[in-house]
Structure formats: C-alpha cells, structure tokens
Amino acid sequence: MDNLVTAASLPLPLKLASLHKSLTLWGWALSFSGTVLALYALTAGKADAGVLMMTAIAGFVLTGESLQRIGFNSLGLSEEMAEQEN
C-alpha cells in the first residue's frame, strides 16, 4: 500500500495537475450519474426501462470510466516531462 500512485505523490506541473483533477472529477460525476440512472430504472417498477434510458446509462458510465482512465494515464506524462527537462 505504500507504493500507490496518486496525483499527490508525483511532482506534477500545475497545468497537468489541473487536467488530472478535472478529468477525474468529471469521470466520477458521470459514472455516479449513470449508476443513479441504473438504480432508478431498476426500482421504478416498470418492466421495460427503455432503449433510450439504457443507452444513456451506458453512455454515462462508459464516458465516466474513460475520463477516469485518461486522468490516471495523464499522471505518466509527468515522468516524461521530467525526463525531457533533464
């Protein structure tokens, strides 16, 4: 657990830290929204949630997870930037 990679543990430039933070927060918000819509669709009592609702749920969750992955992968850019500066 001591070797966890987080934005706080890396020397990030201000612009990259802002990008990581905004991508991660948007990812969490979209994934949470998709989860809330899925729970609503399951508990609404309707037998058919509808194609539009399921498409929206899938879109929110997939977009949110993609943004979180992009945000996490942007942490690797700090190592490349540090190597270029040296």
PDB file of N, CA and C in Angstrom:
ATOM      1  N   MET A   1       0.817  -1.195   0.000  1.00  0.00           N
ATOM      2  CA  MET A   1       0.000   0.000   0.000  1.00  0.00           C
ATOM      3  C   MET A   1       0.862   1.261   0.000  1.00  0.00           C
ATOM      4  N   ASP A   2       2.125   1.142   0.310  1.00  0.00           N
ATOM      5  CA  ASP A   2       2.984   2.314   0.349  1.00  0.00           C
ATOM      6  C   ASP A   2       3.325   2.832  -1.041  1.00  0.00           C
ATOM      7  N   ASN A   3       3.178   2.007  -2.066  1.00  0.00           N
ATOM      8  CA  ASN A   3       3.578   2.389  -3.413  1.00  0.00           C
ATOM      9  C   ASN A   3       2.397   2.769  -4.305  1.00  0.00           C
ATOM     10  N   LEU A   4       1.313   3.240  -3.727  1.00  0.00           N
ATOM     11  CA  LEU A   4       0.160   3.636  -4.523  1.00  0.00           C
ATOM     12  C   LEU A   4       0.482   4.891  -5.324  1.00  0.00           C
ATOM     13  N   VAL A   5       0.010   4.934  -6.552  1.00  0.00           N
ATOM     14  CA  VAL A   5       0.244   6.092  -7.410  1.00  0.00           C
ATOM     15  C   VAL A   5      -0.944   7.033  -7.285  1.00  0.00           C
ATOM     16  N   THR A   6      -0.676   8.223  -6.820  1.00  0.00           N
ATOM     17  CA  THR A   6      -1.706   9.245  -6.742  1.00  0.00           C
ATOM     18  C   THR A   6      -1.126  10.549  -7.256  1.00  0.00           C
ATOM     19  N   ALA A   7      -1.991  11.497  -7.531  1.00  0.00           N
ATOM     20  CA  ALA A   7      -1.528  12.793  -8.023  1.00  0.00           C
ATOM     21  C   ALA A   7      -0.710  13.511  -6.956  1.00  0.00           C
ATOM     22  N   ALA A   8      -1.024  13.275  -5.684  1.00  0.00           N
ATOM     23  CA  ALA A   8      -0.305  13.953  -4.614  1.00  0.00           C
ATOM     24  C   ALA A   8       1.111  13.416  -4.449  1.00  0.00           C
ATOM     25  N   SER A   9       1.373  12.196  -4.902  1.00  0.00           N
ATOM     26  CA  SER A   9       2.688  11.602  -4.707  1.00  0.00           C
ATOM     27  C   SER A   9       3.661  11.929  -5.830  1.00  0.00           C
ATOM     28  N   LEU A  10       3.197  12.585  -6.890  1.00  0.00           N
ATOM     29  CA  LEU A  10       4.058  12.910  -8.023  1.00  0.00           C
ATOM     30  C   LEU A  10       4.246  14.415  -8.134  1.00  0.00           C
ATOM     31  N   PRO A  11       5.428  14.847  -8.562  1.00  0.00           N
ATOM     32  CA  PRO A  11       5.639  16.284  -8.770  1.00  0.00           C
ATOM     33  C   PRO A  11       5.020  16.723 -10.093  1.00  0.00           C
ATOM     34  N   LEU A  12       3.763  17.093 -10.062  1.00  0.00           N
ATOM     35  CA  LEU A  12       3.041  17.448 -11.291  1.00  0.00           C
ATOM     36  C   LEU A  12       3.135  18.947 -11.558  1.00  0.00           C
ATOM     37  N   PRO A  13       3.329  19.318 -12.822  1.00  0.00           N
ATOM     38  CA  PRO A  13       3.182  20.730 -13.174  1.00  0.00           C
ATOM     39  C   PRO A  13       1.747  21.172 -12.920  1.00  0.00           C
ATOM     40  N   LEU A  14       1.561  22.434 -12.683  1.00  0.00           N
ATOM     41  CA  LEU A  14       0.236  22.957 -12.320  1.00  0.00           C
ATOM     42  C   LEU A  14      -0.811  22.654 -13.388  1.00  0.00           C
ATOM     43  N   LYS A  15      -0.455  22.822 -14.656  1.00  0.00           N
ATOM     44  CA  LYS A  15      -1.413  22.571 -15.739  1.00  0.00           C
ATOM     45  C   LYS A  15      -1.814  21.102 -15.794  1.00  0.00           C
ATOM     46  N   LEU A  16      -0.868  20.193 -15.606  1.00  0.00           N
ATOM     47  CA  LEU A  16      -1.154  18.759 -15.647  1.00  0.00           C
ATOM     48  C   LEU A  16      -1.955  18.324 -14.424  1.00  0.00           C
ATOM     49  N   ALA A  17      -1.656  18.893 -13.272  1.00  0.00           N
ATOM     50  CA  ALA A  17      -2.417  18.568 -12.064  1.00  0.00           C
ATOM     51  C   ALA A  17      -3.869  19.008 -12.211  1.00  0.00           C
ATOM     52  N   SER A  18      -4.082  20.166 -12.819  1.00  0.00           N
ATOM     53  CA  SER A  18      -5.440  20.662 -13.051  1.00  0.00           C
ATOM     54  C   SER A  18      -6.188  19.754 -14.021  1.00  0.00           C
ATOM     55  N   LEU A  19      -5.490  19.292 -15.070  1.00  0.00           N
ATOM     56  CA  LEU A  19      -6.100  18.377 -16.040  1.00  0.00           C
ATOM     57  C   LEU A  19      -6.488  17.061 -15.359  1.00  0.00           C
ATOM     58  N   HIS A  20      -5.586  16.508 -14.569  1.00  0.00           N
ATOM     59  CA  HIS A  20      -5.870  15.249 -13.871  1.00  0.00           C
ATOM     60  C   HIS A  20      -7.073  15.403 -12.947  1.00  0.00           C
ATOM     61  N   LYS A  21      -7.103  16.488 -12.197  1.00  0.00           N
ATOM     62  CA  LYS A  21      -8.185  16.707 -11.240  1.00  0.00           C
ATOM     63  C   LYS A  21      -9.535  16.865 -11.947  1.00  0.00           C
ATOM     64  N   SER A  22      -9.571  17.657 -13.019  1.00  0.00           N
ATOM     65  CA  SER A  22     -10.846  17.883 -13.697  1.00  0.00           C
ATOM     66  C   SER A  22     -11.335  16.621 -14.404  1.00  0.00           C
ATOM     67  N   LEU A  23     -10.420  15.867 -15.042  1.00  0.00           N
ATOM     68  CA  LEU A  23     -10.839  14.625 -15.705  1.00  0.00           C
ATOM     69  C   LEU A  23     -11.362  13.610 -14.698  1.00  0.00           C
ATOM     70  N   THR A  24     -10.699  13.505 -13.570  1.00  0.00           N
ATOM     71  CA  THR A  24     -11.128  12.545 -12.550  1.00  0.00           C
ATOM     72  C   THR A  24     -12.483  12.936 -11.963  1.00  0.00           C
ATOM     73  N   LEU A  25     -12.658  14.212 -11.668  1.00  0.00           N
ATOM     74  CA  LEU A  25     -13.942  14.655 -11.098  1.00  0.00           C
ATOM     75  C   LEU A  25     -15.089  14.481 -12.091  1.00  0.00           C
ATOM     76  N   TRP A  26     -14.868  14.834 -13.362  1.00  0.00           N
ATOM     77  CA  TRP A  26     -15.910  14.625 -14.370  1.00  0.00           C
ATOM     78  C   TRP A  26     -16.207  13.143 -14.544  1.00  0.00           C
ATOM     79  N   GLY A  27     -15.167  12.320 -14.502  1.00  0.00           N
ATOM     80  CA  GLY A  27     -15.369  10.879 -14.620  1.00  0.00           C
ATOM     81  C   GLY A  27     -16.214  10.330 -13.482  1.00  0.00           C
ATOM     82  N   TRP A  28     -15.898  10.761 -12.268  1.00  0.00           N
ATOM     83  CA  TRP A  28     -16.687  10.310 -11.117  1.00  0.00           C
ATOM     84  C   TRP A  28     -18.137  10.772 -11.240  1.00  0.00           C
ATOM     85  N   ALA A  29     -18.330  12.020 -11.639  1.00  0.00           N
ATOM     86  CA  ALA A  29     -19.689  12.568 -11.745  1.00  0.00           C
ATOM     87  C   ALA A  29     -20.508  11.804 -12.791  1.00  0.00           C
ATOM     88  N   LEU A  30     -19.914  11.529 -13.945  1.00  0.00           N
ATOM     89  CA  LEU A  30     -20.650  10.807 -14.989  1.00  0.00           C
ATOM     90  C   LEU A  30     -20.922   9.361 -14.591  1.00  0.00           C
ATOM     91  N   SER A  31     -19.948   8.710 -13.984  1.00  0.00           N
ATOM     92  CA  SER A  31     -20.162   7.326 -13.540  1.00  0.00           C
ATOM     93  C   SER A  31     -21.238   7.266 -12.459  1.00  0.00           C
ATOM     94  N   PHE A  32     -21.217   8.217 -11.542  1.00  0.00           N
ATOM     95  CA  PHE A  32     -22.226   8.272 -10.486  1.00  0.00           C
ATOM     96  C   PHE A  32     -23.606   8.520 -11.083  1.00  0.00           C
ATOM     97  N   SER A  33     -23.687   9.427 -12.061  1.00  0.00           N
ATOM     98  CA  SER A  33     -24.970   9.706 -12.710  1.00  0.00           C
ATOM     99  C   SER A  33     -25.515   8.470 -13.414  1.00  0.00           C
ATOM    100  N   GLY A  34     -24.638   7.747 -14.096  1.00  0.00           N
ATOM    101  CA  GLY A  34     -25.065   6.515 -14.751  1.00  0.00           C
ATOM    102  C   GLY A  34     -25.547   5.473 -13.759  1.00  0.00           C
ATOM    103  N   THR A  35     -24.867   5.382 -12.620  1.00  0.00           N
ATOM    104  CA  THR A  35     -25.265   4.431 -11.581  1.00  0.00           C
ATOM    105  C   THR A  35     -26.621   4.807 -10.984  1.00  0.00           C
ATOM    106  N   VAL A  36     -26.826   6.094 -10.745  1.00  0.00           N
ATOM    107  CA  VAL A  36     -28.116   6.555 -10.208  1.00  0.00           C
ATOM    108  C   VAL A  36     -29.241   6.280 -11.217  1.00  0.00           C
ATOM    109  N   LEU A  37     -28.986   6.536 -12.494  1.00  0.00           N
ATOM    110  CA  LEU A  37     -29.999   6.233 -13.509  1.00  0.00           C
ATOM    111  C   LEU A  37     -30.295   4.740 -13.574  1.00  0.00           C
ATOM    112  N   ALA A  38     -29.269   3.908 -13.438  1.00  0.00           N
ATOM    113  CA  ALA A  38     -29.474   2.457 -13.464  1.00  0.00           C
ATOM    114  C   ALA A  38     -30.317   2.019 -12.271  1.00  0.00           C
ATOM    115  N   LEU A  39     -30.018   2.552 -11.092  1.00  0.00           N
ATOM    116  CA  LEU A  39     -30.807   2.207  -9.908  1.00  0.00           C
ATOM    117  C   LEU A  39     -32.249   2.682 -10.052  1.00  0.00           C
ATOM    118  N   TYR A  40     -32.435   3.863 -10.627  1.00  0.00           N
ATOM    119  CA  TYR A  40     -33.792   4.364 -10.859  1.00  0.00           C
ATOM    120  C   TYR A  40     -34.541   3.450 -11.829  1.00  0.00           C
ATOM    121  N   ALA A  41     -33.863   3.044 -12.899  1.00  0.00           N
ATOM    122  CA  ALA A  41     -34.512   2.181 -13.894  1.00  0.00           C
ATOM    123  C   ALA A  41     -34.884   0.833 -13.287  1.00  0.00           C
ATOM    124  N   LEU A  42     -34.055   0.342 -12.378  1.00  0.00           N
ATOM    125  CA  LEU A  42     -34.335  -0.960 -11.764  1.00  0.00           C
ATOM    126  C   LEU A  42     -35.430  -0.888 -10.707  1.00  0.00           C
ATOM    127  N   THR A  43     -35.544   0.239 -10.017  1.00  0.00           N
ATOM    128  CA  THR A  43     -36.504   0.338  -8.922  1.00  0.00           C
ATOM    129  C   THR A  43     -37.776   1.093  -9.289  1.00  0.00           C
ATOM    130  N   ALA A  44     -37.890   1.576 -10.527  1.00  0.00           N
ATOM    131  CA  ALA A  44     -39.061   2.362 -10.916  1.00  0.00           C
ATOM    132  C   ALA A  44     -40.325   1.516 -11.014  1.00  0.00           C
ATOM    133  N   GLY A  45     -40.165   0.198 -11.082  1.00  0.00           N
ATOM    134  CA  GLY A  45     -41.320  -0.662 -11.146  1.00  0.00           C
ATOM    135  C   GLY A  45     -41.805  -0.943 -12.557  1.00  0.00           C
ATOM    136  N   LYS A  46     -41.149  -0.358 -13.524  1.00  0.00           N
ATOM    137  CA  LYS A  46     -41.523  -0.617 -14.912  1.00  0.00           C
ATOM    138  C   LYS A  46     -40.790  -1.863 -15.396  1.00  0.00           C
ATOM    139  N   ALA A  47     -41.485  -2.656 -16.179  1.00  0.00           N
ATOM    140  CA  ALA A  47     -40.861  -3.878 -16.691  1.00  0.00           C
ATOM    141  C   ALA A  47     -39.821  -3.557 -17.755  1.00  0.00           C
ATOM    142  N   ASP A  48     -40.050  -2.507 -18.533  1.00  0.00           N
ATOM    143  CA  ASP A  48     -39.138  -2.148 -19.615  1.00  0.00           C
ATOM    144  C   ASP A  48     -38.556  -0.767 -19.331  1.00  0.00           C
ATOM    145  N   ALA A  49     -37.231  -0.712 -19.143  1.00  0.00           N
ATOM    146  CA  ALA A  49     -36.591   0.564 -18.842  1.00  0.00           C
ATOM    147  C   ALA A  49     -36.469   1.448 -20.073  1.00  0.00           C
ATOM    148  N   GLY A  50     -36.521   0.866 -21.235  1.00  0.00           N
ATOM    149  CA  GLY A  50     -36.452   1.649 -22.461  1.00  0.00           C
ATOM    150  C   GLY A  50     -35.045   1.709 -23.017  1.00  0.00           C
ATOM    151  N   VAL A  51     -35.014   1.731 -24.337  1.00  0.00           N
ATOM    152  CA  VAL A  51     -33.725   1.751 -25.022  1.00  0.00           C
ATOM    153  C   VAL A  51     -32.995   3.061 -24.760  1.00  0.00           C
ATOM    154  N   LEU A  52     -33.709   4.178 -24.738  1.00  0.00           N
ATOM    155  CA  LEU A  52     -33.076   5.471 -24.519  1.00  0.00           C
ATOM    156  C   LEU A  52     -32.440   5.548 -23.128  1.00  0.00           C
ATOM    157  N   MET A  53     -33.155   5.052 -22.126  1.00  0.00           N
ATOM    158  CA  MET A  53     -32.622   5.076 -20.757  1.00  0.00           C
ATOM    159  C   MET A  53     -31.386   4.187 -20.645  1.00  0.00           C
ATOM    160  N   MET A  54     -31.422   2.996 -21.235  1.00  0.00           N
ATOM    161  CA  MET A  54     -30.272   2.098 -21.163  1.00  0.00           C
ATOM    162  C   MET A  54     -29.075   2.659 -21.936  1.00  0.00           C
ATOM    163  N   THR A  55     -29.352   3.332 -23.044  1.00  0.00           N
ATOM    164  CA  THR A  55     -28.278   3.960 -23.809  1.00  0.00           C
ATOM    165  C   THR A  55     -27.647   5.093 -23.013  1.00  0.00           C
ATOM    166  N   ALA A  56     -28.465   5.880 -22.338  1.00  0.00           N
ATOM    167  CA  ALA A  56     -27.946   6.974 -21.513  1.00  0.00           C
ATOM    168  C   ALA A  56     -27.100   6.433 -20.361  1.00  0.00           C
ATOM    169  N   ILE A  57     -27.570   5.360 -19.728  1.00  0.00           N
ATOM    170  CA  ILE A  57     -26.820   4.756 -18.625  1.00  0.00           C
ATOM    171  C   ILE A  57     -25.463   4.270 -19.124  1.00  0.00           C
ATOM    172  N   ALA A  58     -25.475   3.533 -20.221  1.00  0.00           N
ATOM    173  CA  ALA A  58     -24.225   3.015 -20.771  1.00  0.00           C
ATOM    174  C   ALA A  58     -23.302   4.155 -21.187  1.00  0.00           C
ATOM    175  N   GLY A  59     -23.854   5.186 -21.786  1.00  0.00           N
ATOM    176  CA  GLY A  59     -23.048   6.331 -22.209  1.00  0.00           C
ATOM    177  C   GLY A  59     -22.406   7.051 -21.042  1.00  0.00           C
ATOM    178  N   PHE A  60     -23.189   7.285 -19.988  1.00  0.00           N
ATOM    179  CA  PHE A  60     -22.641   7.961 -18.806  1.00  0.00           C
ATOM    180  C   PHE A  60     -21.527   7.144 -18.160  1.00  0.00           C
ATOM    181  N   VAL A  61     -21.784   5.871 -17.940  1.00  0.00           N
ATOM    182  CA  VAL A  61     -20.810   5.037 -17.242  1.00  0.00           C
ATOM    183  C   VAL A  61     -19.541   4.855 -18.079  1.00  0.00           C
ATOM    184  N   LEU A  62     -19.695   4.557 -19.364  1.00  0.00           N
ATOM    185  CA  LEU A  62     -18.517   4.360 -20.211  1.00  0.00           C
ATOM    186  C   LEU A  62     -17.709   5.645 -20.382  1.00  0.00           C
ATOM    187  N   THR A  63     -18.385   6.766 -20.549  1.00  0.00           N
ATOM    188  CA  THR A  63     -17.675   8.037 -20.667  1.00  0.00           C
ATOM    189  C   THR A  63     -16.975   8.392 -19.361  1.00  0.00           C
ATOM    190  N   GLY A  64     -17.657   8.181 -18.240  1.00  0.00           N
ATOM    191  CA  GLY A  64     -17.044   8.455 -16.941  1.00  0.00           C
ATOM    192  C   GLY A  64     -15.821   7.607 -16.685  1.00  0.00           C
ATOM    193  N   GLU A  65     -15.920   6.328 -16.967  1.00  0.00           N
ATOM    194  CA  GLU A  65     -14.776   5.438 -16.757  1.00  0.00           C
ATOM    195  C   GLU A  65     -13.622   5.789 -17.699  1.00  0.00           C
ATOM    196  N   SER A  66     -13.950   6.170 -18.926  1.00  0.00           N
ATOM    197  CA  SER A  66     -12.905   6.570 -19.878  1.00  0.00           C
ATOM    198  C   SER A  66     -12.185   7.826 -19.397  1.00  0.00           C
ATOM    199  N   LEU A  67     -12.937   8.806 -18.911  1.00  0.00           N
ATOM    200  CA  LEU A  67     -12.311  10.022 -18.401  1.00  0.00           C
ATOM    201  C   LEU A  67     -11.426   9.733 -17.192  1.00  0.00           C
ATOM    202  N   GLN A  68     -11.862   8.828 -16.323  1.00  0.00           N
ATOM    203  CA  GLN A  68     -11.029   8.472 -15.169  1.00  0.00           C
ATOM    204  C   GLN A  68      -9.741   7.793 -15.609  1.00  0.00           C
ATOM    205  N   ARG A  69      -9.815   6.939 -16.600  1.00  0.00           N
ATOM    206  CA  ARG A  69      -8.607   6.277 -17.114  1.00  0.00           C
ATOM    207  C   ARG A  69      -7.660   7.271 -17.772  1.00  0.00           C
ATOM    208  N   ILE A  70      -8.216   8.198 -18.545  1.00  0.00           N
ATOM    209  CA  ILE A  70      -7.386   9.213 -19.181  1.00  0.00           C
ATOM    210  C   ILE A  70      -6.716  10.078 -18.109  1.00  0.00           C
ATOM    211  N   GLY A  71      -7.467  10.425 -17.072  1.00  0.00           N
ATOM    212  CA  GLY A  71      -6.898  11.202 -15.973  1.00  0.00           C
ATOM    213  C   GLY A  71      -5.776  10.466 -15.277  1.00  0.00           C
ATOM    214  N   PHE A  72      -5.971   9.178 -15.040  1.00  0.00           N
ATOM    215  CA  PHE A  72      -4.922   8.388 -14.392  1.00  0.00           C
ATOM    216  C   PHE A  72      -3.707   8.263 -15.295  1.00  0.00           C
ATOM    217  N   ASN A  73      -3.942   8.016 -16.576  1.00  0.00           N
ATOM    218  CA  ASN A  73      -2.822   7.875 -17.508  1.00  0.00           C
ATOM    219  C   ASN A  73      -2.080   9.178 -17.724  1.00  0.00           C
ATOM    220  N   SER A  74      -2.729  10.315 -17.462  1.00  0.00           N
ATOM    221  CA  SER A  74      -2.045  11.594 -17.585  1.00  0.00           C
ATOM    222  C   SER A  74      -0.967  11.758 -16.515  1.00  0.00           C
ATOM    223  N   LEU A  75      -1.053  10.959 -15.453  1.00  0.00           N
ATOM    224  CA  LEU A  75      -0.007  11.004 -14.429  1.00  0.00           C
ATOM    225  C   LEU A  75       1.330  10.555 -15.000  1.00  0.00           C
ATOM    226  N   GLY A  76       1.315   9.667 -15.976  1.00  0.00           N
ATOM    227  CA  GLY A  76       2.545   9.204 -16.602  1.00  0.00           C
ATOM    228  C   GLY A  76       3.217  10.291 -17.414  1.00  0.00           C
ATOM    229  N   LEU A  77       2.462  11.307 -17.820  1.00  0.00           N
ATOM    230  CA  LEU A  77       3.053  12.409 -18.569  1.00  0.00           C
ATOM    231  C   LEU A  77       4.040  13.199 -17.725  1.00  0.00           C
ATOM    232  N   SER A  78       3.844  13.207 -16.409  1.00  0.00           N
ATOM    233  CA  SER A  78       4.759  13.958 -15.554  1.00  0.00           C
ATOM    234  C   SER A  78       6.156  13.348 -15.589  1.00  0.00           C
ATOM    235  N   GLU A  79       6.246  12.016 -15.687  1.00  0.00           N
ATOM    236  CA  GLU A  79       7.552  11.366 -15.774  1.00  0.00           C
ATOM    237  C   GLU A  79       8.227  11.706 -17.097  1.00  0.00           C
ATOM    238  N   GLU A  80       7.452  11.738 -18.195  1.00  0.00           N
ATOM    239  CA  GLU A  80       8.017  12.083 -19.493  1.00  0.00           C
ATOM    240  C   GLU A  80       8.481  13.534 -19.504  1.00  0.00           C
ATOM    241  N   MET A  81       7.717  14.414 -18.885  1.00  0.00           N
ATOM    242  CA  MET A  81       8.098  15.823 -18.834  1.00  0.00           C
ATOM    243  C   MET A  81       9.369  16.006 -18.006  1.00  0.00           C
ATOM    244  N   ALA A  82       9.478  15.268 -16.912  1.00  0.00           N
ATOM    245  CA  ALA A  82      10.660  15.362 -16.066  1.00  0.00           C
ATOM    246  C   ALA A  82      11.898  14.871 -16.804  1.00  0.00           C
ATOM    247  N   GLU A  83      11.757  13.807 -17.601  1.00  0.00           N
ATOM    248  CA  GLU A  83      12.888  13.285 -18.368  1.00  0.00           C
ATOM    249  C   GLU A  83      13.302  14.269 -19.454  1.00  0.00           C
ATOM    250  N   GLN A  84      12.360  14.967 -20.048  1.00  0.00           N
ATOM    251  CA  GLN A  84      12.690  15.927 -21.100  1.00  0.00           C
ATOM    252  C   GLN A  84      13.395  17.147 -20.531  1.00  0.00           C
ATOM    253  N   GLU A  85      13.070  17.514 -19.304  1.00  0.00           N
ATOM    254  CA  GLU A  85      13.694  18.683 -18.674  1.00  0.00           C
ATOM    255  C   GLU A  85      15.137  18.394 -18.296  1.00  0.00           C
ATOM    256  N   ASN A  86      15.460  17.145 -18.017  1.00  0.00           N
ATOM    257  CA  ASN A  86      16.824  16.801 -17.585  1.00  0.00           C
ATOM    258  C   ASN A  86      17.730  16.588 -18.730  1.00  0.00           C
TER     259      ASN A  86
END
